[in-house]
Amino acid sequence: MSGAGVLAGLGSALPTRLVTNEELSRRLDTDDQWIRSRTGIRQRYWSDGVSTGDLAVEAGRRALKAAGTNTVDLVVLATTTPDHPCPATAPDVAGRLGLNGVAAYDIAAVCSGFVYALASAAAHITAGLATSALVIGAETYSTILDPQDRTTSVIFGDGAGAAVLRSGSVDEQGAFLGFDLGSDGGLKDLIVIPGGGSRERAAAERLQSAGTYFTMQGKPVFRHAVTRMASSAGALLDRTGWSSASVDWFVGHQANARILHAVADQLGIDDERTVIDLDRVGNTSAASIPLALSRASREGLLSPGARVLLSAFGGGVTWGSTALLWPDITAL
């Protein structure tokens, strides 16, 4: 058995098209104050001809450069918006990064995807199946949103974040100290794209009725997100032996500012120790945690040795948490 998966590099990428609340208010029944008060978001970036794979390649390239390497044994891509239903996007991303021949696959756990992907890559390393891995969360949610639905169009943004993991000791900075993962398929309809999959295509009478846009039941999602993230993060803290007071930074899935503050409050973590990035990029699903980590790293918030707690909630429904002592790295 090898040691632990250790964070060695971070990178991120955003599309060039900036979409402000003011722009959305010109075509939707909303305004900047309504959006900010309910979500905390003031702007987001949307793809303009750029695919999920394109963003993943750029974020991956920057993460590899930050880690000082050009090769890994494994690529894991978390996404809800793959370039194609078939094949997976990860092998193409790996090939474009010059990583031909390595294992590469997608993970679909929606907004929990990056934490799930970290757990998968770390498990490969711990089991001795790989000595290094590139983990990417990448999304182009603008391609699956109903442009007339203000409840979803104002929330989501596009982007990608990536992390390089290497084999190391569980005692060193950057080592992931365990994972808490879970799901509840009974709540699958809370966050769903009804049409486009085999269930719709196997029922011919539904072909004209199933929607192909992303849908979300906001109020129950809010409630379950707070409950599940707080419970998962609390279980992870118990496993690591950390107290809430000892956590230097809580980096949750950037879904909604009120959700993040509610989770932090249940955990007993001050708002000042909660990283907020969604105001600038919106909810970027699987990309949100690595984007938040990358920004916090570049801005100097994450000093070596800081205790960092990660937690996410997504469609499925799924949830997951992990923790690490921050290593001496700078994101690109």
Protein backbone atom coordinates (compact mmCIF):
# COMPACT_ATOMS: atom_id res chain seq x y z
CA MET A 1 0.00 0.00 0.00
CA SER A 2 1.15 3.53 -0.77
CA GLY A 3 0.72 6.50 1.52
CA ALA A 4 -1.80 9.27 0.97
CA GLY A 5 -2.84 11.43 -1.95
CA VAL A 6 -1.13 14.80 -1.47
CA LEU A 7 -2.18 18.08 -3.11
CA ALA A 8 0.71 19.30 -5.27
CA GLY A 9 -0.77 21.89 -7.64
CA LEU A 10 -3.90 23.90 -8.48
CA GLY A 11 -5.12 25.58 -11.65
CA SER A 12 -8.30 27.23 -12.89
CA ALA A 13 -9.91 28.57 -16.05
CA LEU A 14 -12.94 30.75 -16.82
CA PRO A 15 -14.63 31.68 -20.11
CA THR A 16 -14.10 35.23 -21.32
CA ARG A 17 -17.78 36.22 -21.43
CA LEU A 18 -18.71 38.06 -18.22
CA VAL A 19 -22.45 38.14 -17.47
CA THR A 20 -23.56 40.64 -14.82
CA ASN A 21 -26.82 40.74 -12.89
CA GLU A 22 -27.66 43.92 -14.77
CA GLU A 23 -27.44 42.11 -18.10
CA LEU A 24 -29.78 39.36 -16.92
CA SER A 25 -32.26 41.87 -15.53
CA ARG A 26 -32.72 43.31 -19.02
CA ARG A 27 -34.38 40.09 -20.24
CA LEU A 28 -35.65 38.43 -17.08
CA ASP A 29 -38.14 39.50 -14.42
CA THR A 30 -35.41 40.21 -11.88
CA ASP A 31 -32.87 42.80 -10.77
CA ASP A 32 -29.47 42.99 -9.14
CA GLN A 33 -30.87 43.44 -5.62
CA TRP A 34 -33.18 40.40 -5.95
CA ILE A 35 -30.35 38.17 -7.17
CA ARG A 36 -27.82 39.32 -4.56
CA SER A 37 -30.23 39.08 -1.64
CA ARG A 38 -31.19 35.49 -2.48
CA THR A 39 -27.90 34.08 -3.75
CA GLY A 40 -25.01 36.46 -3.02
CA ILE A 41 -24.06 36.37 -6.73
CA ARG A 42 -23.26 39.56 -8.64
CA GLN A 43 -21.77 38.10 -11.83
CA ARG A 44 -20.84 34.85 -13.55
CA TYR A 45 -18.99 33.70 -16.69
CA TRP A 46 -20.73 31.90 -19.54
CA SER A 47 -19.23 29.95 -22.38
CA ASP A 48 -19.24 31.54 -25.82
CA GLY A 49 -18.25 28.63 -28.05
CA VAL A 50 -15.98 27.07 -25.41
CA SER A 51 -16.74 23.51 -24.30
CA THR A 52 -16.37 21.81 -20.94
CA GLY A 53 -13.38 19.92 -22.34
CA ASP A 54 -11.73 23.15 -23.46
CA LEU A 55 -11.98 24.64 -19.97
CA ALA A 56 -10.81 21.37 -18.41
CA VAL A 57 -7.72 21.31 -20.61
CA GLU A 58 -6.75 24.86 -19.66
CA ALA A 59 -7.31 24.31 -15.94
CA GLY A 60 -5.44 21.01 -16.12
CA ARG A 61 -2.51 22.60 -17.93
CA ARG A 62 -2.21 25.27 -15.26
CA ALA A 63 -2.45 22.74 -12.41
CA LEU A 64 0.31 20.62 -13.95
CA LYS A 65 2.51 23.71 -14.34
CA ALA A 66 1.82 24.74 -10.73
CA ALA A 67 2.86 21.25 -9.62
CA GLY A 68 6.04 21.41 -11.71
CA THR A 69 5.23 18.32 -13.76
CA ASN A 70 3.95 17.41 -17.20
CA THR A 71 2.82 13.88 -16.49
CA VAL A 72 0.44 11.95 -14.21
CA ASP A 73 -0.82 8.36 -14.12
CA LEU A 74 -4.54 9.15 -13.95
CA VAL A 75 -7.05 11.81 -15.03
CA VAL A 76 -10.45 12.06 -13.30
CA LEU A 77 -12.93 14.64 -14.60
CA ALA A 78 -16.01 15.60 -12.60
CA THR A 79 -18.73 17.15 -14.76
CA THR A 80 -22.47 17.27 -15.39
CA THR A 81 -21.97 18.86 -18.81
CA PRO A 82 -19.66 16.53 -20.77
CA ASP A 83 -18.72 17.40 -24.33
CA HIS A 84 -20.72 14.36 -25.53
CA PRO A 85 -23.06 11.78 -23.95
CA CYS A 86 -20.58 9.24 -25.30
CA PRO A 87 -17.61 8.96 -25.04
CA ALA A 88 -16.42 10.36 -21.72
CA THR A 89 -14.66 13.72 -21.88
CA ALA A 90 -11.68 12.79 -19.67
CA PRO A 91 -9.77 10.69 -22.24
CA ASP A 92 -9.92 13.54 -24.77
CA VAL A 93 -8.76 16.02 -22.12
CA ALA A 94 -5.89 13.69 -21.20
CA GLY A 95 -4.87 13.33 -24.82
CA ARG A 96 -4.92 17.08 -25.42
CA LEU A 97 -2.65 17.50 -22.40
CA GLY A 98 -0.16 15.01 -23.85
CA LEU A 99 -1.16 12.32 -21.37
CA ASN A 100 -1.90 9.59 -23.92
CA GLY A 101 -2.09 6.09 -22.48
CA VAL A 102 -3.04 7.03 -18.92
CA ALA A 103 -6.27 5.93 -17.26
CA ALA A 104 -8.96 8.60 -17.66
CA TYR A 105 -12.65 8.67 -16.79
CA ASP A 106 -15.55 10.98 -15.92
CA ILE A 107 -17.44 11.17 -12.63
CA ALA A 108 -21.05 12.40 -12.53
CA ALA A 109 -21.97 13.47 -9.00
CA VAL A 110 -23.11 16.98 -9.98
CA CYS A 111 -21.97 19.60 -7.45
CA SER A 112 -20.33 16.96 -5.23
CA GLY A 113 -18.32 15.75 -8.21
CA PHE A 114 -14.98 17.29 -7.32
CA VAL A 115 -14.95 15.80 -3.81
CA TYR A 116 -15.95 12.42 -5.27
CA ALA A 117 -13.18 12.74 -7.86
CA LEU A 118 -10.62 13.61 -5.18
CA ALA A 119 -11.67 10.54 -3.20
CA SER A 120 -11.38 8.33 -6.28
CA ALA A 121 -7.94 9.65 -7.22
CA ALA A 122 -6.67 9.45 -3.63
CA ALA A 123 -7.90 5.85 -3.42
CA HIS A 124 -5.96 4.96 -6.58
CA ILE A 125 -2.83 6.42 -5.03
CA THR A 126 -3.36 4.75 -1.64
CA ALA A 127 -3.95 1.39 -3.32
CA GLY A 128 -0.77 1.73 -5.37
CA LEU A 129 -2.63 1.89 -8.70
CA ALA A 130 -1.18 5.33 -9.43
CA THR A 131 1.57 7.57 -8.08
CA SER A 132 -0.02 10.80 -9.31
CA ALA A 133 -3.36 12.07 -10.62
CA LEU A 134 -4.96 15.09 -12.23
CA VAL A 135 -8.41 15.81 -10.81
CA ILE A 136 -10.60 18.31 -12.68
CA GLY A 137 -14.02 19.81 -12.05
CA ALA A 138 -15.34 21.48 -15.21
CA GLU A 139 -18.76 22.74 -16.26
CA THR A 140 -20.58 24.73 -18.94
CA TYR A 141 -23.95 25.04 -17.24
CA SER A 142 -24.96 27.84 -19.56
CA THR A 143 -25.55 25.13 -22.19
CA ILE A 144 -28.25 23.36 -20.14
CA LEU A 145 -30.09 26.32 -18.59
CA ASP A 146 -33.49 27.52 -19.71
CA PRO A 147 -32.70 31.14 -20.71
CA GLN A 148 -36.20 32.23 -19.61
CA ASP A 149 -36.03 30.66 -16.13
CA ARG A 150 -34.81 33.26 -13.68
CA THR A 151 -34.61 30.73 -10.83
CA THR A 152 -31.72 28.88 -12.52
CA SER A 153 -30.29 31.30 -15.09
CA VAL A 154 -29.20 33.78 -12.43
CA ILE A 155 -27.43 31.16 -10.32
CA PHE A 156 -25.10 29.14 -12.52
CA GLY A 157 -21.82 29.93 -14.21
CA ASP A 158 -19.19 28.11 -16.26
CA GLY A 159 -15.60 27.34 -15.35
CA ALA A 160 -13.03 24.71 -14.46
CA GLY A 161 -10.64 24.01 -11.60
CA ALA A 162 -7.99 21.30 -11.37
CA ALA A 163 -5.72 19.72 -8.77
CA VAL A 164 -2.64 17.53 -9.08
CA LEU A 165 -2.26 14.80 -6.47
CA ARG A 166 0.93 12.87 -5.81
CA SER A 167 1.79 9.98 -3.54
CA GLY A 168 3.12 10.99 -0.14
CA SER A 169 2.85 10.55 3.59
CA VAL A 170 -0.38 11.09 5.50
CA ASP A 171 1.65 13.17 7.97
CA GLU A 172 2.76 15.82 5.45
CA GLN A 173 1.04 19.05 4.49
CA GLY A 174 -1.35 18.60 1.56
CA ALA A 175 -2.34 15.01 2.41
CA PHE A 176 -6.08 14.37 2.28
CA LEU A 177 -7.01 13.11 5.71
CA GLY A 178 -10.05 11.03 4.81
CA PHE A 179 -13.37 11.35 3.05
CA ASP A 180 -17.04 11.22 3.98
CA LEU A 181 -19.31 10.44 0.99
CA GLY A 182 -23.02 9.72 0.73
CA SER A 183 -26.13 9.77 -1.44
CA ASP A 184 -29.92 9.49 -1.34
CA GLY A 185 -31.47 8.42 -4.65
CA GLY A 186 -34.95 8.96 -3.26
CA LEU A 187 -34.35 12.69 -3.73
CA LYS A 188 -33.16 12.45 -7.34
CA ASP A 189 -35.97 14.64 -8.67
CA LEU A 190 -34.83 17.67 -6.65
CA ILE A 191 -32.09 18.40 -9.20
CA VAL A 192 -32.61 16.90 -12.65
CA ILE A 193 -32.63 17.23 -16.43
CA PRO A 194 -35.71 15.11 -17.21
CA GLY A 195 -35.04 14.44 -20.89
CA GLY A 196 -32.15 13.29 -23.03
CA GLY A 197 -31.29 10.04 -21.28
CA SER A 198 -32.18 6.38 -21.76
CA ARG A 199 -35.25 6.59 -19.51
CA GLU A 200 -36.86 9.13 -21.81
CA ARG A 201 -35.73 7.40 -24.99
CA ALA A 202 -37.03 4.04 -23.79
CA ALA A 203 -40.53 5.52 -23.40
CA ALA A 204 -41.56 6.79 -26.83
CA GLU A 205 -44.69 8.50 -25.54
CA ARG A 206 -42.54 10.85 -23.41
CA LEU A 207 -40.27 12.04 -26.20
CA GLN A 208 -42.23 15.24 -26.77
CA SER A 209 -42.87 16.07 -23.11
CA ALA A 210 -39.63 15.52 -21.20
CA GLY A 211 -37.64 18.73 -20.75
CA THR A 212 -34.01 19.02 -21.75
CA TYR A 213 -33.19 21.94 -19.44
CA PHE A 214 -31.77 21.75 -15.94
CA THR A 215 -34.42 22.02 -13.21
CA MET A 216 -34.10 22.44 -9.45
CA GLN A 217 -36.54 22.60 -6.54
CA GLY A 218 -34.97 25.49 -4.68
CA LYS A 219 -36.48 25.30 -1.18
CA PRO A 220 -35.98 21.59 -0.50
CA VAL A 221 -32.52 21.73 -2.11
CA PHE A 222 -31.59 24.54 0.29
CA ARG A 223 -32.79 22.55 3.28
CA HIS A 224 -31.11 19.28 2.32
CA ALA A 225 -27.89 21.03 1.26
CA VAL A 226 -27.48 22.63 4.67
CA THR A 227 -28.37 19.45 6.57
CA ARG A 228 -26.24 17.06 4.51
CA MET A 229 -23.16 19.29 4.21
CA ALA A 230 -23.16 20.08 7.93
CA SER A 231 -23.62 16.41 8.86
CA SER A 232 -20.94 15.20 6.42
CA ALA A 233 -18.44 17.89 7.40
CA GLY A 234 -19.10 17.19 11.08
CA ALA A 235 -18.46 13.48 10.57
CA LEU A 236 -15.21 14.27 8.76
CA LEU A 237 -14.09 16.55 11.60
CA ASP A 238 -14.77 13.76 14.08
CA ARG A 239 -12.72 11.37 11.94
CA THR A 240 -9.74 13.71 11.77
CA GLY A 241 -9.96 14.73 15.41
CA TRP A 242 -10.33 18.40 14.55
CA SER A 243 -12.64 20.73 16.44
CA SER A 244 -14.69 23.35 14.61
CA ALA A 245 -12.66 26.03 16.34
CA SER A 246 -9.44 24.58 14.92
CA VAL A 247 -10.60 24.88 11.29
CA ASP A 248 -8.86 27.83 9.65
CA TRP A 249 -10.91 27.83 6.43
CA PHE A 250 -14.19 26.22 5.43
CA VAL A 251 -14.50 25.88 1.64
CA GLY A 252 -17.96 24.61 0.79
CA HIS A 253 -19.61 24.08 -2.57
CA GLN A 254 -20.37 27.59 -3.83
CA ALA A 255 -24.11 27.16 -4.37
CA ASN A 256 -25.56 30.05 -2.44
CA ALA A 257 -24.09 32.42 0.15
CA ARG A 258 -26.94 31.75 2.56
CA ILE A 259 -26.33 27.99 2.34
CA LEU A 260 -22.61 28.43 3.04
CA HIS A 261 -23.25 30.65 6.06
CA ALA A 262 -25.95 28.30 7.38
CA VAL A 263 -23.62 25.29 7.13
CA ALA A 264 -20.78 27.20 8.78
CA ASP A 265 -23.15 28.28 11.55
CA GLN A 266 -24.25 24.69 12.23
CA LEU A 267 -20.60 23.63 12.37
CA GLY A 268 -19.66 26.51 14.65
CA ILE A 269 -17.34 28.13 12.10
CA ASP A 270 -17.28 31.92 11.85
CA ASP A 271 -18.27 33.57 8.56
CA GLU A 272 -14.82 35.17 8.49
CA ARG A 273 -13.34 31.68 8.07
CA THR A 274 -15.69 30.76 5.21
CA VAL A 275 -14.33 31.20 1.69
CA ILE A 276 -16.82 32.91 -0.64
CA ASP A 277 -16.13 32.91 -4.38
CA LEU A 278 -19.63 32.59 -5.85
CA ASP A 279 -20.19 36.35 -5.85
CA ARG A 280 -17.70 36.56 -8.74
CA VAL A 281 -18.33 33.30 -10.63
CA GLY A 282 -21.77 32.02 -9.59
CA ASN A 283 -22.52 28.37 -8.87
CA THR A 284 -20.12 26.41 -11.10
CA SER A 285 -21.18 22.97 -9.81
CA ALA A 286 -18.26 20.51 -9.85
CA ALA A 287 -15.83 23.35 -10.59
CA SER A 288 -16.84 25.49 -7.61
CA ILE A 289 -14.56 24.10 -4.89
CA PRO A 290 -11.35 24.04 -6.98
CA LEU A 291 -12.14 27.53 -8.32
CA ALA A 292 -12.64 28.80 -4.76
CA LEU A 293 -9.43 27.12 -3.59
CA SER A 294 -7.49 28.56 -6.52
CA ARG A 295 -8.69 32.10 -5.87
CA ALA A 296 -8.05 31.82 -2.12
CA SER A 297 -4.55 30.50 -2.84
CA ARG A 298 -3.69 33.29 -5.27
CA GLU A 299 -4.98 35.92 -2.84
CA GLY A 300 -2.79 34.54 -0.03
CA LEU A 301 -5.61 33.39 2.26
CA LEU A 302 -4.36 29.81 2.48
CA SER A 303 -1.04 29.72 4.31
CA PRO A 304 1.01 26.50 4.65
CA GLY A 305 -0.24 24.40 7.54
CA ALA A 306 -3.73 25.95 7.60
CA ARG A 307 -6.51 23.51 8.43
CA VAL A 308 -8.89 23.45 5.45
CA LEU A 309 -12.28 21.72 5.44
CA LEU A 310 -14.11 21.00 2.15
CA SER A 311 -17.76 19.97 1.80
CA ALA A 312 -20.26 19.72 -1.06
CA PHE A 313 -23.85 18.80 -1.88
CA GLY A 314 -25.22 18.02 -5.33
CA GLY A 315 -27.82 16.30 -7.44
CA GLY A 316 -28.44 12.61 -7.06
CA VAL A 317 -28.61 13.64 -4.31
CA THR A 318 -24.98 13.33 -3.27
CA TRP A 319 -22.72 14.85 -0.67
CA GLY A 320 -19.12 14.62 0.46
CA SER A 321 -16.40 16.16 2.61
CA THR A 322 -12.64 16.02 3.07
CA ALA A 323 -9.91 17.92 4.92
CA LEU A 324 -6.21 18.69 4.64
CA LEU A 325 -3.40 20.77 6.06
CA TRP A 326 -2.68 23.30 3.34
CA PRO A 327 0.61 22.72 1.47
CA ASP A 328 3.13 25.31 0.30
CA ILE A 329 1.72 25.81 -3.21
CA THR A 330 0.38 28.69 -5.29
CA ALA A 331 -2.43 28.20 -7.77
CA LEU A 332 -2.18 29.25 -11.40
